[in-house]
Amino acid sequence: MAELFRTAEGEKLAYRTYIQTVRQKNNVTLTTLQIMANGLQLSFAALLAGGKKVPEWAHRLDDNAIRERLAHVINFERQRRTVHRYEMAELIGVAEATFTKLERASGNISVDTIAAIAKALKLDPATFLFSEKIPPGGAYTQPPAECS
């Protein structure tokens, strides 16, 4: 089964990562989820949403688009709440360095971190990144142009 999970460049998901993921012994990252979605020929959104319904455009998002949408949600919420970066990091339960990565849409974010952010912001963790009821401003205002 692990042989299914290959990237376009011919790399594959490490067998150990696959086994730990199946046994729920590791914190799955967006990169790992993208490899699994590709291997299973499913959309990234379908795996991330865990069976919940998402809009059609969301099925065309990849892990980079998810990072960008997450960054916008975090930045929007921080500004809406008028809190400092360190306060927002504390609220969502991550270190300041991790918050900086989240805010810049960089790094290999874990699914558990996304769920914790959703919980802290009182949003549905399975679908908040795919919401069509999105706050005004920034790239988060509408689904990405290539996904409309």
N, C-alpha and C. Protein backbone atom coordinates (compact mmCIF):
# COMPACT_ATOMS: atom_id res chain seq x y z
N MET A 1 0.83 -1.20 0.00
CA MET A 1 0.00 0.00 0.00
C MET A 1 0.86 1.25 0.00
N ALA A 2 1.95 1.28 0.72
CA ALA A 2 2.82 2.46 0.77
C ALA A 2 3.35 2.82 -0.59
N GLU A 3 3.45 1.85 -1.50
CA GLU A 3 3.94 2.12 -2.86
C GLU A 3 2.99 3.04 -3.63
N LEU A 4 1.74 3.10 -3.23
CA LEU A 4 0.79 4.00 -3.89
C LEU A 4 1.16 5.46 -3.69
N PHE A 5 1.78 5.75 -2.58
CA PHE A 5 2.02 7.13 -2.20
C PHE A 5 3.34 7.63 -2.74
N ARG A 6 3.35 8.00 -3.99
CA ARG A 6 4.53 8.54 -4.66
C ARG A 6 4.26 9.97 -5.08
N THR A 7 5.28 10.81 -5.03
CA THR A 7 5.14 12.17 -5.52
C THR A 7 5.45 12.18 -7.00
N ALA A 8 5.17 13.30 -7.65
CA ALA A 8 5.43 13.43 -9.09
C ALA A 8 6.91 13.24 -9.40
N GLU A 9 7.76 13.59 -8.49
CA GLU A 9 9.20 13.47 -8.70
C GLU A 9 9.72 12.05 -8.45
N GLY A 10 8.85 11.12 -8.14
CA GLY A 10 9.25 9.74 -7.92
C GLY A 10 9.58 9.41 -6.49
N GLU A 11 9.51 10.39 -5.60
CA GLU A 11 9.75 10.10 -4.19
C GLU A 11 8.48 9.45 -3.64
N LYS A 12 8.63 8.75 -2.57
CA LYS A 12 7.44 8.13 -1.99
C LYS A 12 7.39 8.41 -0.51
N LEU A 13 6.25 8.21 0.02
CA LEU A 13 6.05 8.33 1.45
C LEU A 13 6.82 7.20 2.12
N ALA A 14 7.59 7.52 3.12
CA ALA A 14 8.35 6.50 3.82
C ALA A 14 7.40 5.45 4.40
N TYR A 15 7.79 4.21 4.30
CA TYR A 15 6.97 3.11 4.80
C TYR A 15 6.65 3.32 6.29
N ARG A 16 7.64 3.77 7.04
CA ARG A 16 7.45 3.99 8.47
C ARG A 16 6.37 5.06 8.70
N THR A 17 6.41 6.14 7.91
CA THR A 17 5.40 7.19 8.02
C THR A 17 4.02 6.63 7.70
N TYR A 18 3.95 5.82 6.66
CA TYR A 18 2.68 5.21 6.27
C TYR A 18 2.13 4.36 7.42
N ILE A 19 2.95 3.49 7.98
CA ILE A 19 2.52 2.60 9.06
C ILE A 19 2.09 3.41 10.28
N GLN A 20 2.88 4.42 10.65
CA GLN A 20 2.52 5.24 11.81
C GLN A 20 1.22 5.99 11.57
N THR A 21 1.00 6.42 10.35
CA THR A 21 -0.24 7.13 10.02
C THR A 21 -1.43 6.19 10.12
N VAL A 22 -1.31 5.02 9.55
CA VAL A 22 -2.40 4.03 9.61
C VAL A 22 -2.71 3.67 11.06
N ARG A 23 -1.69 3.55 11.86
CA ARG A 23 -1.88 3.19 13.28
C ARG A 23 -2.22 4.40 14.14
N GLN A 24 -2.32 5.57 13.52
CA GLN A 24 -2.60 6.83 14.21
C GLN A 24 -1.57 7.13 15.29
N LYS A 25 -0.31 6.88 14.95
CA LYS A 25 0.78 7.09 15.89
C LYS A 25 1.61 8.32 15.56
N ASN A 26 1.23 9.06 14.53
CA ASN A 26 1.99 10.26 14.22
C ASN A 26 1.04 11.40 13.92
N ASN A 27 1.61 12.59 13.87
CA ASN A 27 0.87 13.81 13.60
C ASN A 27 1.00 14.09 12.11
N VAL A 28 -0.01 13.76 11.34
CA VAL A 28 0.05 13.85 9.88
C VAL A 28 0.19 15.31 9.46
N THR A 29 1.12 15.55 8.55
CA THR A 29 1.36 16.90 8.05
C THR A 29 0.64 17.11 6.72
N LEU A 30 0.56 18.36 6.30
CA LEU A 30 -0.08 18.67 5.03
C LEU A 30 0.65 18.01 3.87
N THR A 31 1.97 17.96 3.93
CA THR A 31 2.74 17.33 2.87
C THR A 31 2.42 15.84 2.77
N THR A 32 2.37 15.15 3.90
CA THR A 32 2.02 13.73 3.92
C THR A 32 0.60 13.53 3.39
N LEU A 33 -0.31 14.38 3.81
CA LEU A 33 -1.69 14.27 3.35
C LEU A 33 -1.79 14.48 1.84
N GLN A 34 -1.00 15.41 1.31
CA GLN A 34 -1.01 15.65 -0.13
C GLN A 34 -0.52 14.42 -0.89
N ILE A 35 0.54 13.78 -0.40
CA ILE A 35 1.06 12.56 -1.03
C ILE A 35 0.00 11.46 -1.00
N MET A 36 -0.66 11.32 0.15
CA MET A 36 -1.70 10.30 0.28
C MET A 36 -2.88 10.59 -0.65
N ALA A 37 -3.30 11.84 -0.72
CA ALA A 37 -4.42 12.20 -1.60
C ALA A 37 -4.07 11.89 -3.05
N ASN A 38 -2.86 12.22 -3.46
CA ASN A 38 -2.42 11.92 -4.83
C ASN A 38 -2.43 10.42 -5.09
N GLY A 39 -1.89 9.66 -4.16
CA GLY A 39 -1.82 8.21 -4.32
C GLY A 39 -3.18 7.54 -4.38
N LEU A 40 -4.11 8.07 -3.61
CA LEU A 40 -5.46 7.51 -3.57
C LEU A 40 -6.38 8.12 -4.63
N GLN A 41 -5.85 9.06 -5.36
CA GLN A 41 -6.61 9.78 -6.39
C GLN A 41 -7.86 10.43 -5.80
N LEU A 42 -7.66 11.05 -4.65
CA LEU A 42 -8.70 11.82 -3.98
C LEU A 42 -8.25 13.27 -3.90
N SER A 43 -9.17 14.15 -3.67
CA SER A 43 -8.77 15.54 -3.48
C SER A 43 -8.19 15.71 -2.09
N PHE A 44 -7.33 16.68 -1.98
CA PHE A 44 -6.73 17.03 -0.71
C PHE A 44 -7.83 17.42 0.28
N ALA A 45 -8.80 18.20 -0.19
CA ALA A 45 -9.90 18.65 0.66
C ALA A 45 -10.72 17.48 1.20
N ALA A 46 -10.92 16.46 0.36
CA ALA A 46 -11.71 15.29 0.80
C ALA A 46 -11.04 14.61 1.98
N LEU A 47 -9.72 14.46 1.92
CA LEU A 47 -9.01 13.83 3.05
C LEU A 47 -9.01 14.73 4.27
N LEU A 48 -8.76 16.01 4.07
CA LEU A 48 -8.68 16.94 5.20
C LEU A 48 -10.03 17.12 5.87
N ALA A 49 -11.10 17.13 5.09
CA ALA A 49 -12.44 17.33 5.65
C ALA A 49 -12.99 16.07 6.32
N GLY A 50 -12.38 14.93 6.08
CA GLY A 50 -12.78 13.71 6.77
C GLY A 50 -14.21 13.29 6.51
N GLY A 51 -14.67 13.40 5.29
CA GLY A 51 -16.01 12.96 4.95
C GLY A 51 -17.06 14.05 4.99
N LYS A 52 -16.73 15.21 5.54
CA LYS A 52 -17.69 16.31 5.53
C LYS A 52 -17.74 16.92 4.14
N LYS A 53 -18.88 17.48 3.80
CA LYS A 53 -19.07 18.07 2.48
C LYS A 53 -18.29 19.39 2.38
N VAL A 54 -17.58 19.55 1.26
CA VAL A 54 -16.88 20.80 0.98
C VAL A 54 -17.30 21.29 -0.40
N PRO A 55 -17.18 22.59 -0.65
CA PRO A 55 -17.56 23.11 -1.97
C PRO A 55 -16.71 22.50 -3.08
N GLU A 56 -17.25 22.46 -4.27
CA GLU A 56 -16.56 21.85 -5.41
C GLU A 56 -15.19 22.47 -5.66
N TRP A 57 -15.07 23.81 -5.56
CA TRP A 57 -13.79 24.46 -5.82
C TRP A 57 -12.71 24.00 -4.85
N ALA A 58 -13.10 23.61 -3.64
CA ALA A 58 -12.12 23.20 -2.62
C ALA A 58 -11.39 21.93 -3.03
N HIS A 59 -12.01 21.12 -3.86
CA HIS A 59 -11.37 19.87 -4.29
C HIS A 59 -10.17 20.11 -5.19
N ARG A 60 -10.00 21.34 -5.65
CA ARG A 60 -8.85 21.66 -6.50
C ARG A 60 -7.72 22.32 -5.72
N LEU A 61 -7.86 22.48 -4.43
CA LEU A 61 -6.81 23.08 -3.60
C LEU A 61 -5.72 22.05 -3.32
N ASP A 62 -4.49 22.54 -3.18
CA ASP A 62 -3.40 21.67 -2.76
C ASP A 62 -2.90 22.14 -1.40
N ASP A 63 -1.85 21.49 -0.91
CA ASP A 63 -1.36 21.84 0.42
C ASP A 63 -0.88 23.28 0.51
N ASN A 64 -0.32 23.84 -0.55
CA ASN A 64 0.13 25.24 -0.52
C ASN A 64 -1.06 26.19 -0.42
N ALA A 65 -2.12 25.91 -1.14
CA ALA A 65 -3.33 26.74 -1.07
C ALA A 65 -3.94 26.68 0.33
N ILE A 66 -3.89 25.51 0.94
CA ILE A 66 -4.41 25.37 2.30
C ILE A 66 -3.59 26.22 3.27
N ARG A 67 -2.26 26.20 3.12
CA ARG A 67 -1.40 27.02 3.97
C ARG A 67 -1.76 28.50 3.83
N GLU A 68 -1.99 28.94 2.59
CA GLU A 68 -2.34 30.34 2.34
C GLU A 68 -3.69 30.71 2.95
N ARG A 69 -4.66 29.83 2.81
CA ARG A 69 -5.97 30.10 3.40
C ARG A 69 -5.88 30.13 4.92
N LEU A 70 -5.13 29.21 5.50
CA LEU A 70 -4.95 29.18 6.95
C LEU A 70 -4.27 30.46 7.42
N ALA A 71 -3.26 30.91 6.71
CA ALA A 71 -2.55 32.15 7.05
C ALA A 71 -3.53 33.33 7.05
N HIS A 72 -4.40 33.38 6.06
CA HIS A 72 -5.35 34.48 6.00
C HIS A 72 -6.34 34.42 7.17
N VAL A 73 -6.84 33.25 7.48
CA VAL A 73 -7.76 33.12 8.61
C VAL A 73 -7.10 33.59 9.89
N ILE A 74 -5.87 33.15 10.13
CA ILE A 74 -5.15 33.53 11.35
C ILE A 74 -4.92 35.03 11.40
N ASN A 75 -4.46 35.60 10.30
CA ASN A 75 -4.20 37.04 10.27
C ASN A 75 -5.48 37.85 10.43
N PHE A 76 -6.55 37.41 9.76
CA PHE A 76 -7.83 38.09 9.89
C PHE A 76 -8.30 38.06 11.34
N GLU A 77 -8.26 36.88 11.96
CA GLU A 77 -8.72 36.75 13.35
C GLU A 77 -7.85 37.56 14.31
N ARG A 78 -6.56 37.60 14.06
CA ARG A 78 -5.68 38.39 14.94
C ARG A 78 -6.03 39.86 14.85
N GLN A 79 -6.25 40.36 13.64
CA GLN A 79 -6.61 41.77 13.47
C GLN A 79 -8.01 42.05 14.02
N ARG A 80 -8.94 41.14 13.78
CA ARG A 80 -10.31 41.32 14.28
C ARG A 80 -10.33 41.40 15.80
N ARG A 81 -9.50 40.61 16.43
CA ARG A 81 -9.45 40.57 17.89
C ARG A 81 -8.50 41.61 18.47
N THR A 82 -7.79 42.31 17.60
CA THR A 82 -6.78 43.32 17.97
C THR A 82 -5.83 42.80 19.06
N VAL A 83 -5.19 41.69 18.75
CA VAL A 83 -4.21 41.12 19.67
C VAL A 83 -2.84 41.07 18.99
N HIS A 84 -1.81 41.04 19.80
CA HIS A 84 -0.44 40.92 19.30
C HIS A 84 -0.20 39.50 18.80
N ARG A 85 0.86 39.35 18.03
CA ARG A 85 1.21 38.03 17.49
C ARG A 85 1.42 37.01 18.61
N TYR A 86 2.15 37.40 19.64
CA TYR A 86 2.41 36.45 20.72
C TYR A 86 1.13 36.05 21.43
N GLU A 87 0.16 36.97 21.52
CA GLU A 87 -1.12 36.64 22.15
C GLU A 87 -1.93 35.67 21.28
N MET A 88 -1.87 35.89 19.98
CA MET A 88 -2.58 34.98 19.07
C MET A 88 -1.94 33.60 19.10
N ALA A 89 -0.62 33.56 19.14
CA ALA A 89 0.08 32.28 19.23
C ALA A 89 -0.35 31.54 20.49
N GLU A 90 -0.44 32.26 21.59
CA GLU A 90 -0.88 31.65 22.86
C GLU A 90 -2.32 31.16 22.76
N LEU A 91 -3.18 31.97 22.16
CA LEU A 91 -4.59 31.60 22.01
C LEU A 91 -4.76 30.31 21.22
N ILE A 92 -4.01 30.17 20.13
CA ILE A 92 -4.18 28.97 19.32
C ILE A 92 -3.28 27.83 19.76
N GLY A 93 -2.45 28.09 20.77
CA GLY A 93 -1.68 27.01 21.38
C GLY A 93 -0.43 26.58 20.64
N VAL A 94 0.25 27.55 20.01
CA VAL A 94 1.49 27.23 19.32
C VAL A 94 2.59 28.19 19.78
N ALA A 95 3.82 27.78 19.58
CA ALA A 95 4.96 28.64 19.89
C ALA A 95 4.97 29.83 18.92
N GLU A 96 5.60 30.92 19.33
CA GLU A 96 5.67 32.09 18.47
C GLU A 96 6.34 31.79 17.13
N ALA A 97 7.37 30.96 17.15
CA ALA A 97 8.06 30.59 15.90
C ALA A 97 7.11 29.83 14.97
N THR A 98 6.30 28.95 15.54
CA THR A 98 5.32 28.22 14.74
C THR A 98 4.26 29.18 14.21
N PHE A 99 3.85 30.13 15.04
CA PHE A 99 2.86 31.11 14.59
C PHE A 99 3.39 31.91 13.41
N THR A 100 4.65 32.28 13.46
CA THR A 100 5.26 33.02 12.36
C THR A 100 5.20 32.21 11.08
N LYS A 101 5.48 30.92 11.16
CA LYS A 101 5.39 30.06 9.98
C LYS A 101 3.96 29.97 9.48
N LEU A 102 3.01 29.83 10.39
CA LEU A 102 1.61 29.76 10.00
C LEU A 102 1.18 31.05 9.30
N GLU A 103 1.59 32.17 9.89
CA GLU A 103 1.23 33.48 9.38
C GLU A 103 1.82 33.74 7.98
N ARG A 104 2.96 33.15 7.72
CA ARG A 104 3.64 33.33 6.43
C ARG A 104 3.30 32.22 5.44
N ALA A 105 2.43 31.31 5.81
CA ALA A 105 2.03 30.18 4.96
C ALA A 105 3.23 29.32 4.59
N SER A 106 4.12 29.13 5.54
CA SER A 106 5.30 28.30 5.28
C SER A 106 5.38 27.18 6.31
N GLY A 107 6.29 26.27 6.08
CA GLY A 107 6.45 25.15 6.99
C GLY A 107 5.47 24.02 6.68
N ASN A 108 5.72 22.91 7.29
CA ASN A 108 4.90 21.72 7.08
C ASN A 108 3.94 21.59 8.26
N ILE A 109 2.80 22.17 8.14
CA ILE A 109 1.81 22.26 9.21
C ILE A 109 1.15 20.90 9.41
N SER A 110 0.91 20.56 10.66
CA SER A 110 0.24 19.28 10.94
C SER A 110 -1.27 19.45 10.97
N VAL A 111 -1.95 18.37 10.71
CA VAL A 111 -3.40 18.36 10.76
C VAL A 111 -3.86 18.62 12.20
N ASP A 112 -3.14 18.11 13.17
CA ASP A 112 -3.49 18.36 14.57
C ASP A 112 -3.41 19.85 14.90
N THR A 113 -2.42 20.55 14.34
CA THR A 113 -2.30 21.99 14.56
C THR A 113 -3.49 22.72 13.94
N ILE A 114 -3.89 22.32 12.74
CA ILE A 114 -5.05 22.93 12.11
C ILE A 114 -6.30 22.71 12.96
N ALA A 115 -6.47 21.51 13.47
CA ALA A 115 -7.63 21.21 14.33
C ALA A 115 -7.59 22.05 15.61
N ALA A 116 -6.41 22.21 16.19
CA ALA A 116 -6.28 23.01 17.41
C ALA A 116 -6.60 24.48 17.15
N ILE A 117 -6.18 24.99 15.99
CA ILE A 117 -6.48 26.37 15.63
C ILE A 117 -7.98 26.54 15.47
N ALA A 118 -8.61 25.62 14.77
CA ALA A 118 -10.06 25.68 14.57
C ALA A 118 -10.79 25.67 15.91
N LYS A 119 -10.36 24.79 16.80
CA LYS A 119 -11.00 24.69 18.11
C LYS A 119 -10.82 25.99 18.89
N ALA A 120 -9.62 26.54 18.88
CA ALA A 120 -9.35 27.78 19.61
C ALA A 120 -10.17 28.94 19.05
N LEU A 121 -10.40 28.92 17.75
CA LEU A 121 -11.18 30.00 17.11
C LEU A 121 -12.67 29.67 17.06
N LYS A 122 -13.03 28.52 17.65
CA LYS A 122 -14.43 28.06 17.70
C LYS A 122 -15.02 27.89 16.30
N LEU A 123 -14.26 27.21 15.44
CA LEU A 123 -14.67 26.91 14.08
C LEU A 123 -14.68 25.41 13.87
N ASP A 124 -15.43 24.93 12.90
CA ASP A 124 -15.48 23.50 12.59
C ASP A 124 -14.11 23.08 12.03
N PRO A 125 -13.36 22.24 12.72
CA PRO A 125 -12.02 21.90 12.27
C PRO A 125 -11.96 21.18 10.94
N ALA A 126 -13.02 20.49 10.58
CA ALA A 126 -12.99 19.72 9.32
C ALA A 126 -13.20 20.60 8.10
N THR A 127 -13.86 21.74 8.28
CA THR A 127 -14.23 22.50 7.08
C THR A 127 -13.95 24.00 7.12
N PHE A 128 -13.40 24.55 8.20
CA PHE A 128 -13.28 26.00 8.27
C PHE A 128 -12.40 26.59 7.17
N LEU A 129 -11.49 25.83 6.63
CA LEU A 129 -10.65 26.33 5.54
C LEU A 129 -11.38 26.35 4.21
N PHE A 130 -12.53 25.71 4.14
CA PHE A 130 -13.28 25.61 2.90
C PHE A 130 -14.58 26.42 2.95
N SER A 131 -14.72 27.26 3.94
CA SER A 131 -15.95 28.03 4.10
C SER A 131 -16.13 29.04 2.97
N GLU A 132 -17.36 29.12 2.48
CA GLU A 132 -17.69 30.14 1.49
C GLU A 132 -18.11 31.42 2.19
N LYS A 133 -18.38 31.34 3.49
CA LYS A 133 -18.67 32.52 4.29
C LYS A 133 -17.36 32.99 4.87
N ILE A 134 -16.66 33.75 4.10
CA ILE A 134 -15.31 34.12 4.45
C ILE A 134 -15.23 35.60 4.77
N PRO A 135 -14.31 36.00 5.63
CA PRO A 135 -14.20 37.41 6.01
C PRO A 135 -13.72 38.27 4.84
N PRO A 136 -14.04 39.56 4.87
CA PRO A 136 -13.61 40.44 3.78
C PRO A 136 -12.11 40.66 3.77
N GLY A 137 -11.58 40.90 2.57
CA GLY A 137 -10.18 41.26 2.41
C GLY A 137 -9.27 40.09 2.17
N GLY A 138 -8.18 40.36 1.48
CA GLY A 138 -7.12 39.38 1.26
C GLY A 138 -7.51 38.25 0.34
N ALA A 139 -6.60 37.30 0.19
CA ALA A 139 -6.78 36.16 -0.70
C ALA A 139 -7.91 35.25 -0.22
N TYR A 140 -8.35 35.43 1.01
CA TYR A 140 -9.37 34.56 1.58
C TYR A 140 -10.77 34.99 1.17
N THR A 141 -10.91 36.15 0.51
CA THR A 141 -12.22 36.67 0.16
C THR A 141 -12.99 35.74 -0.76
N GLN A 142 -12.34 35.11 -1.70
CA GLN A 142 -13.00 34.21 -2.62
C GLN A 142 -12.11 33.00 -2.81
N PRO A 143 -12.69 31.92 -3.32
CA PRO A 143 -11.84 30.79 -3.65
C PRO A 143 -10.79 31.25 -4.65
N PRO A 144 -9.59 30.65 -4.66
CA PRO A 144 -8.57 31.05 -5.59
C PRO A 144 -9.11 31.09 -7.01
N ALA A 145 -8.64 32.06 -7.82
CA ALA A 145 -9.16 32.29 -9.16
C ALA A 145 -9.15 31.02 -10.01
N GLU A 146 -8.08 30.23 -9.90
CA GLU A 146 -7.99 29.01 -10.69
C GLU A 146 -8.97 27.94 -10.21
N CYS A 147 -9.62 28.17 -9.07
CA CYS A 147 -10.54 27.18 -8.53
C CYS A 147 -11.99 27.61 -8.67
N SER A 148 -12.28 28.79 -9.22
CA SER A 148 -13.66 29.28 -9.33
C SER A 148 -14.46 28.49 -10.32
